């Protein structure tokens, strides 16, 4: 004889598609960035490298959230981590957009390059360069639909921030699950 037993569990299935879309978008963005770097020879500036770090941060959060999609607490943790990455990306992309819109006489001087800093300067000085940028970060070598790479990146980080906030504060509806017990 079997009797149905009902229990309530949170439904996190819609998150799977959101996280998967975010992960695929990040793969596409990073892939195109590497294409521009290695095939179009557009070397990334320090702020671009920092933004890549934040894309990886969000992408890893998304990948882990996909793996643990059934756990509500994991969804909230990874949404929070993705939010932190998106905010970091917003700050660095925003800084780069600001540098790109400065009058020419106010743009900071260009530095010797990230490789030089990594090899010859203290770690915290290099870290400061990565978050502050230099004159190289103000140069615009590529535009699509009138927006620079930094402006597109800022737009993507806004979208990832909205996504992370939505997932973080989503109210999970309980759904009934039927389980059957058989007595023999």
C-alpha atoms as a PDB file:
ATOM      1  CA  UNK A   1       0.000   0.000   0.000  1.00  0.00           C
ATOM      2  CA  UNK A   2       1.325   3.400  -0.848  1.00  0.00           C
ATOM      3  CA  UNK A   3       0.316   6.724   0.629  1.00  0.00           C
ATOM      4  CA  UNK A   4       1.440  10.091  -0.717  1.00  0.00           C
ATOM      5  CA  UNK A   5       3.356  12.300   1.646  1.00  0.00           C
ATOM      6  CA  UNK A   6       3.709  15.995   0.837  1.00  0.00           C
ATOM      7  CA  UNK A   7       6.646  18.160   1.746  1.00  0.00           C
ATOM      8  CA  UNK A   8       7.537  21.659   0.769  1.00  0.00           C
ATOM      9  CA  UNK A   9      10.886  22.472  -0.796  1.00  0.00           C
ATOM     10  CA  UNK A  10      12.067  25.733  -2.343  1.00  0.00           C
ATOM     11  CA  UNK A  11      12.062  25.949  -6.125  1.00  0.00           C
ATOM     12  CA  UNK A  12      15.423  27.138  -7.451  1.00  0.00           C
ATOM     13  CA  UNK A  13      15.119  25.749 -10.989  1.00  0.00           C
ATOM     14  CA  UNK A  14      14.636  29.177 -12.666  1.00  0.00           C
ATOM     15  CA  UNK A  15      18.030  30.190 -11.270  1.00  0.00           C
ATOM     16  CA  UNK A  16      19.723  27.534 -13.382  1.00  0.00           C
ATOM     17  CA  UNK A  17      18.894  29.366 -16.597  1.00  0.00           C
ATOM     18  CA  UNK A  18      19.923  32.751 -15.200  1.00  0.00           C
ATOM     19  CA  UNK A  19      23.274  31.428 -13.986  1.00  0.00           C
ATOM     20  CA  UNK A  20      23.851  29.544 -17.230  1.00  0.00           C
ATOM     21  CA  UNK A  21      23.123  32.674 -19.289  1.00  0.00           C
ATOM     22  CA  UNK A  22      25.485  34.702 -17.089  1.00  0.00           C
ATOM     23  CA  UNK A  23      28.231  32.094 -17.406  1.00  0.00           C
ATOM     24  CA  UNK A  24      27.891  31.914 -21.193  1.00  0.00           C
ATOM     25  CA  UNK A  25      27.882  35.719 -21.497  1.00  0.00           C
ATOM     26  CA  UNK A  26      31.061  35.915 -19.449  1.00  0.00           C
ATOM     27  CA  UNK A  27      32.703  33.218 -21.564  1.00  0.00           C
ATOM     28  CA  UNK A  28      31.788  35.213 -24.663  1.00  0.00           C
ATOM     29  CA  UNK A  29      33.053  38.491 -23.206  1.00  0.00           C
ATOM     30  CA  UNK A  30      36.346  36.999 -22.055  1.00  0.00           C
ATOM     31  CA  UNK A  31      36.751  35.111 -25.321  1.00  0.00           C
ATOM     32  CA  UNK A  32      36.263  38.285 -27.329  1.00  0.00           C
ATOM     33  CA  UNK A  33      38.682  40.129 -25.046  1.00  0.00           C
ATOM     34  CA  UNK A  34      41.339  37.510 -25.691  1.00  0.00           C
ATOM     35  CA  UNK A  35      40.562  37.664 -29.431  1.00  0.00           C
ATOM     36  CA  UNK A  36      41.159  41.430 -29.384  1.00  0.00           C
ATOM     37  CA  UNK A  37      44.357  40.930 -27.415  1.00  0.00           C
ATOM     38  CA  UNK A  38      45.956  38.079 -29.344  1.00  0.00           C
ATOM     39  CA  UNK A  39      44.548  38.498 -32.861  1.00  0.00           C
ATOM     40  CA  UNK A  40      43.931  42.240 -33.108  1.00  0.00           C
ATOM     41  CA  UNK A  41      46.929  43.102 -30.887  1.00  0.00           C
ATOM     42  CA  UNK A  42      45.001  45.440 -28.577  1.00  0.00           C
ATOM     43  CA  UNK A  43      46.931  45.092 -25.342  1.00  0.00           C
ATOM     44  CA  UNK A  44      44.699  45.432 -22.274  1.00  0.00           C
ATOM     45  CA  UNK A  45      45.461  48.271 -19.890  1.00  0.00           C
ATOM     46  CA  UNK A  46      45.671  47.722 -16.108  1.00  0.00           C
ATOM     47  CA  UNK A  47      41.983  48.547 -15.614  1.00  0.00           C
ATOM     48  CA  UNK A  48      41.038  46.110 -18.394  1.00  0.00           C
ATOM     49  CA  UNK A  49      43.019  43.379 -16.639  1.00  0.00           C
ATOM     50  CA  UNK A  50      41.249  44.182 -13.380  1.00  0.00           C
ATOM     51  CA  UNK A  51      37.864  43.979 -15.101  1.00  0.00           C
ATOM     52  CA  UNK A  52      38.822  40.571 -16.477  1.00  0.00           C
ATOM     53  CA  UNK A  53      39.509  39.446 -12.923  1.00  0.00           C
ATOM     54  CA  UNK A  54      35.987  40.512 -11.910  1.00  0.00           C
ATOM     55  CA  UNK A  55      34.491  38.728 -14.936  1.00  0.00           C
ATOM     56  CA  UNK A  56      36.274  35.562 -13.826  1.00  0.00           C
ATOM     57  CA  UNK A  57      34.968  36.131 -10.282  1.00  0.00           C
ATOM     58  CA  UNK A  58      31.358  36.352 -11.506  1.00  0.00           C
ATOM     59  CA  UNK A  59      31.860  33.448 -13.918  1.00  0.00           C
ATOM     60  CA  UNK A  60      33.195  31.148 -11.203  1.00  0.00           C
ATOM     61  CA  UNK A  61      30.317  32.181  -8.922  1.00  0.00           C
ATOM     62  CA  UNK A  62      27.872  31.358 -11.724  1.00  0.00           C
ATOM     63  CA  UNK A  63      29.497  27.993 -12.408  1.00  0.00           C
ATOM     64  CA  UNK A  64      29.380  26.996  -8.748  1.00  0.00           C
ATOM     65  CA  UNK A  65      25.774  28.181  -8.493  1.00  0.00           C
ATOM     66  CA  UNK A  66      24.893  25.967 -11.473  1.00  0.00           C
ATOM     67  CA  UNK A  67      26.441  22.967  -9.735  1.00  0.00           C
ATOM     68  CA  UNK A  68      24.623  23.706  -6.460  1.00  0.00           C
ATOM     69  CA  UNK A  69      21.387  24.999  -8.013  1.00  0.00           C
ATOM     70  CA  UNK A  70      19.112  23.027  -5.665  1.00  0.00           C
ATOM     71  CA  UNK A  71      20.466  24.587  -2.482  1.00  0.00           C
ATOM     72  CA  UNK A  72      18.791  27.892  -1.593  1.00  0.00           C
ATOM     73  CA  UNK A  73      21.562  28.952   0.769  1.00  0.00           C
ATOM     74  CA  UNK A  74      24.189  28.291  -1.936  1.00  0.00           C
ATOM     75  CA  UNK A  75      22.149  30.375  -4.371  1.00  0.00           C
ATOM     76  CA  UNK A  76      22.176  33.291  -1.955  1.00  0.00           C
ATOM     77  CA  UNK A  77      25.895  32.925  -1.221  1.00  0.00           C
ATOM     78  CA  UNK A  78      26.857  32.810  -4.905  1.00  0.00           C
ATOM     79  CA  UNK A  79      24.501  35.683  -5.713  1.00  0.00           C
ATOM     80  CA  UNK A  80      26.244  37.710  -2.999  1.00  0.00           C
ATOM     81  CA  UNK A  81      29.685  36.758  -4.348  1.00  0.00           C
ATOM     82  CA  UNK A  82      28.591  37.627  -7.888  1.00  0.00           C
ATOM     83  CA  UNK A  83      27.298  40.943  -6.568  1.00  0.00           C
ATOM     84  CA  UNK A  84      30.683  41.707  -5.008  1.00  0.00           C
ATOM     85  CA  UNK A  85      32.395  40.892  -8.313  1.00  0.00           C
ATOM     86  CA  UNK A  86      29.922  43.016 -10.251  1.00  0.00           C
ATOM     87  CA  UNK A  87      30.414  45.977  -7.911  1.00  0.00           C
ATOM     88  CA  UNK A  88      34.194  45.654  -8.261  1.00  0.00           C
ATOM     89  CA  UNK A  89      33.762  45.561 -12.027  1.00  0.00           C
ATOM     90  CA  UNK A  90      31.460  48.584 -11.911  1.00  0.00           C
ATOM     91  CA  UNK A  91      34.072  50.544  -9.980  1.00  0.00           C
ATOM     92  CA  UNK A  92      36.953  49.697 -12.331  1.00  0.00           C
ATOM     93  CA  UNK A  93      34.933  50.072 -15.548  1.00  0.00           C
ATOM     94  CA  UNK A  94      33.468  53.314 -14.214  1.00  0.00           C
ATOM     95  CA  UNK A  95      36.958  54.596 -13.452  1.00  0.00           C
ATOM     96  CA  UNK A  96      38.108  53.726 -16.967  1.00  0.00           C
ATOM     97  CA  UNK A  97      35.103  55.410 -18.591  1.00  0.00           C
ATOM     98  CA  UNK A  98      35.801  58.481 -16.443  1.00  0.00           C
ATOM     99  CA  UNK A  99      39.464  58.501 -17.562  1.00  0.00           C
ATOM    100  CA  UNK A 100      38.394  58.181 -21.198  1.00  0.00           C
ATOM    101  CA  UNK A 101      36.170  61.239 -20.916  1.00  0.00           C
ATOM    102  CA  UNK A 102      38.752  63.497 -19.238  1.00  0.00           C
ATOM    103  CA  UNK A 103      40.121  66.425 -21.228  1.00  0.00           C
ATOM    104  CA  UNK A 104      43.497  65.543 -22.755  1.00  0.00           C
ATOM    105  CA  UNK A 105      45.422  67.832 -20.399  1.00  0.00           C
ATOM    106  CA  UNK A 106      43.982  66.091 -17.323  1.00  0.00           C
ATOM    107  CA  UNK A 107      44.721  62.484 -18.327  1.00  0.00           C
ATOM    108  CA  UNK A 108      47.377  60.904 -16.053  1.00  0.00           C
ATOM    109  CA  UNK A 109      50.714  60.036 -17.577  1.00  0.00           C
ATOM    110  CA  UNK A 110      51.163  56.606 -19.083  1.00  0.00           C
ATOM    111  CA  UNK A 111      53.154  54.108 -17.056  1.00  0.00           C
ATOM    112  CA  UNK A 112      55.726  51.574 -18.212  1.00  0.00           C
ATOM    113  CA  UNK A 113      53.238  48.691 -18.351  1.00  0.00           C
ATOM    114  CA  UNK A 114      51.909  45.990 -16.071  1.00  0.00           C
ATOM    115  CA  UNK A 115      54.738  43.519 -16.696  1.00  0.00           C
ATOM    116  CA  UNK A 116      57.309  46.085 -15.589  1.00  0.00           C
ATOM    117  CA  UNK A 117      55.293  46.878 -12.455  1.00  0.00           C
ATOM    118  CA  UNK A 118      54.926  43.203 -11.558  1.00  0.00           C
ATOM    119  CA  UNK A 119      58.652  42.589 -11.932  1.00  0.00           C
ATOM    120  CA  UNK A 120      60.035  45.799 -10.389  1.00  0.00           C
ATOM    121  CA  UNK A 121      57.528  47.368  -8.021  1.00  0.00           C
ATOM    122  CA  UNK A 122      56.080  46.291  -4.672  1.00  0.00           C
ATOM    123  CA  UNK A 123      52.879  44.271  -4.805  1.00  0.00           C
ATOM    124  CA  UNK A 124      50.701  46.998  -3.272  1.00  0.00           C
ATOM    125  CA  UNK A 125      51.965  49.605  -5.749  1.00  0.00           C
ATOM    126  CA  UNK A 126      51.054  47.245  -8.578  1.00  0.00           C
ATOM    127  CA  UNK A 127      47.671  46.574  -7.006  1.00  0.00           C
ATOM    128  CA  UNK A 128      47.067  50.318  -6.774  1.00  0.00           C
ATOM    129  CA  UNK A 129      47.872  50.640 -10.494  1.00  0.00           C
ATOM    130  CA  UNK A 130      45.397  47.874 -11.294  1.00  0.00           C
ATOM    131  CA  UNK A 131      42.580  49.723  -9.547  1.00  0.00           C
ATOM    132  CA  UNK A 132      43.597  53.292 -10.362  1.00  0.00           C
ATOM    133  CA  UNK A 133      44.808  52.962 -13.945  1.00  0.00           C
ATOM    134  CA  UNK A 134      47.084  55.290 -15.867  1.00  0.00           C
ATOM    135  CA  UNK A 135      47.097  57.187 -19.158  1.00  0.00           C
ATOM    136  CA  UNK A 136      46.948  53.921 -21.127  1.00  0.00           C
ATOM    137  CA  UNK A 137      43.493  53.348 -19.670  1.00  0.00           C
ATOM    138  CA  UNK A 138      42.227  56.602 -21.190  1.00  0.00           C
ATOM    139  CA  UNK A 139      43.046  55.567 -24.763  1.00  0.00           C
ATOM    140  CA  UNK A 140      40.183  54.307 -26.925  1.00  0.00           C
ATOM    141  CA  UNK A 141      41.253  51.991 -29.765  1.00  0.00           C
ATOM    142  CA  UNK A 142      37.957  50.215 -30.446  1.00  0.00           C
ATOM    143  CA  UNK A 143      34.303  51.186 -30.615  1.00  0.00           C
ATOM    144  CA  UNK A 144      31.123  49.284 -31.368  1.00  0.00           C
ATOM    145  CA  UNK A 145      27.824  51.145 -31.773  1.00  0.00           C
ATOM    146  CA  UNK A 146      29.597  54.249 -30.501  1.00  0.00           C
ATOM    147  CA  UNK A 147      30.714  52.698 -27.197  1.00  0.00           C
ATOM    148  CA  UNK A 148      34.277  51.881 -26.151  1.00  0.00           C
ATOM    149  CA  UNK A 149      35.280  48.573 -24.595  1.00  0.00           C
ATOM    150  CA  UNK A 150      35.166  50.204 -21.142  1.00  0.00           C
ATOM    151  CA  UNK A 151      31.648  51.533 -21.761  1.00  0.00           C
ATOM    152  CA  UNK A 152      30.445  48.114 -22.907  1.00  0.00           C
ATOM    153  CA  UNK A 153      32.087  46.564 -19.879  1.00  0.00           C
ATOM    154  CA  UNK A 154      30.352  49.080 -17.600  1.00  0.00           C
ATOM    155  CA  UNK A 155      27.025  48.162 -19.199  1.00  0.00           C
ATOM    156  CA  UNK A 156      27.672  44.443 -18.666  1.00  0.00           C
ATOM    157  CA  UNK A 157      28.634  44.991 -15.028  1.00  0.00           C
ATOM    158  CA  UNK A 158      25.383  46.936 -14.514  1.00  0.00           C
ATOM    159  CA  UNK A 159      23.476  43.950 -15.926  1.00  0.00           C
ATOM    160  CA  UNK A 160      25.398  41.502 -13.723  1.00  0.00           C
ATOM    161  CA  UNK A 161      24.703  43.704 -10.691  1.00  0.00           C
ATOM    162  CA  UNK A 162      20.974  43.662 -11.442  1.00  0.00           C
ATOM    163  CA  UNK A 163      21.094  39.886 -11.967  1.00  0.00           C
ATOM    164  CA  UNK A 164      22.933  39.289  -8.694  1.00  0.00           C
ATOM    165  CA  UNK A 165      20.602  41.570  -6.719  1.00  0.00           C
ATOM    166  CA  UNK A 166      17.577  39.831  -8.224  1.00  0.00           C
ATOM    167  CA  UNK A 167      18.908  36.391  -7.313  1.00  0.00           C
ATOM    168  CA  UNK A 168      20.026  37.521  -3.873  1.00  0.00           C
ATOM    169  CA  UNK A 169      16.649  38.961  -2.872  1.00  0.00           C
ATOM    170  CA  UNK A 170      14.438  36.528  -4.777  1.00  0.00           C
ATOM    171  CA  UNK A 171      11.654  35.063  -2.703  1.00  0.00           C
ATOM    172  CA  UNK A 172      11.675  31.353  -3.261  1.00  0.00           C
ATOM    173  CA  UNK A 173       8.235  29.841  -3.526  1.00  0.00           C
ATOM    174  CA  UNK A 174       7.655  26.551  -1.875  1.00  0.00           C
ATOM    175  CA  UNK A 175       6.473  23.776  -4.115  1.00  0.00           C
ATOM    176  CA  UNK A 176       4.841  20.557  -3.082  1.00  0.00           C
ATOM    177  CA  UNK A 177       6.692  17.347  -3.735  1.00  0.00           C
ATOM    178  CA  UNK A 178       4.971  14.003  -3.705  1.00  0.00           C
ATOM    179  CA  UNK A 179       6.863  11.146  -2.210  1.00  0.00           C
ATOM    180  CA  UNK A 180       5.372   7.728  -1.989  1.00  0.00           C
ATOM    181  CA  UNK A 181       6.085   5.150   0.643  1.00  0.00           C
ATOM    182  CA  UNK A 182       5.482   1.514  -0.046  1.00  0.00           C
ATOM    183  CA  UNK A 183       4.740  -0.870   2.745  1.00  0.00           C
ATOM    184  CA  UNK A 184       5.256  -4.522   1.999  1.00  0.00           C
END
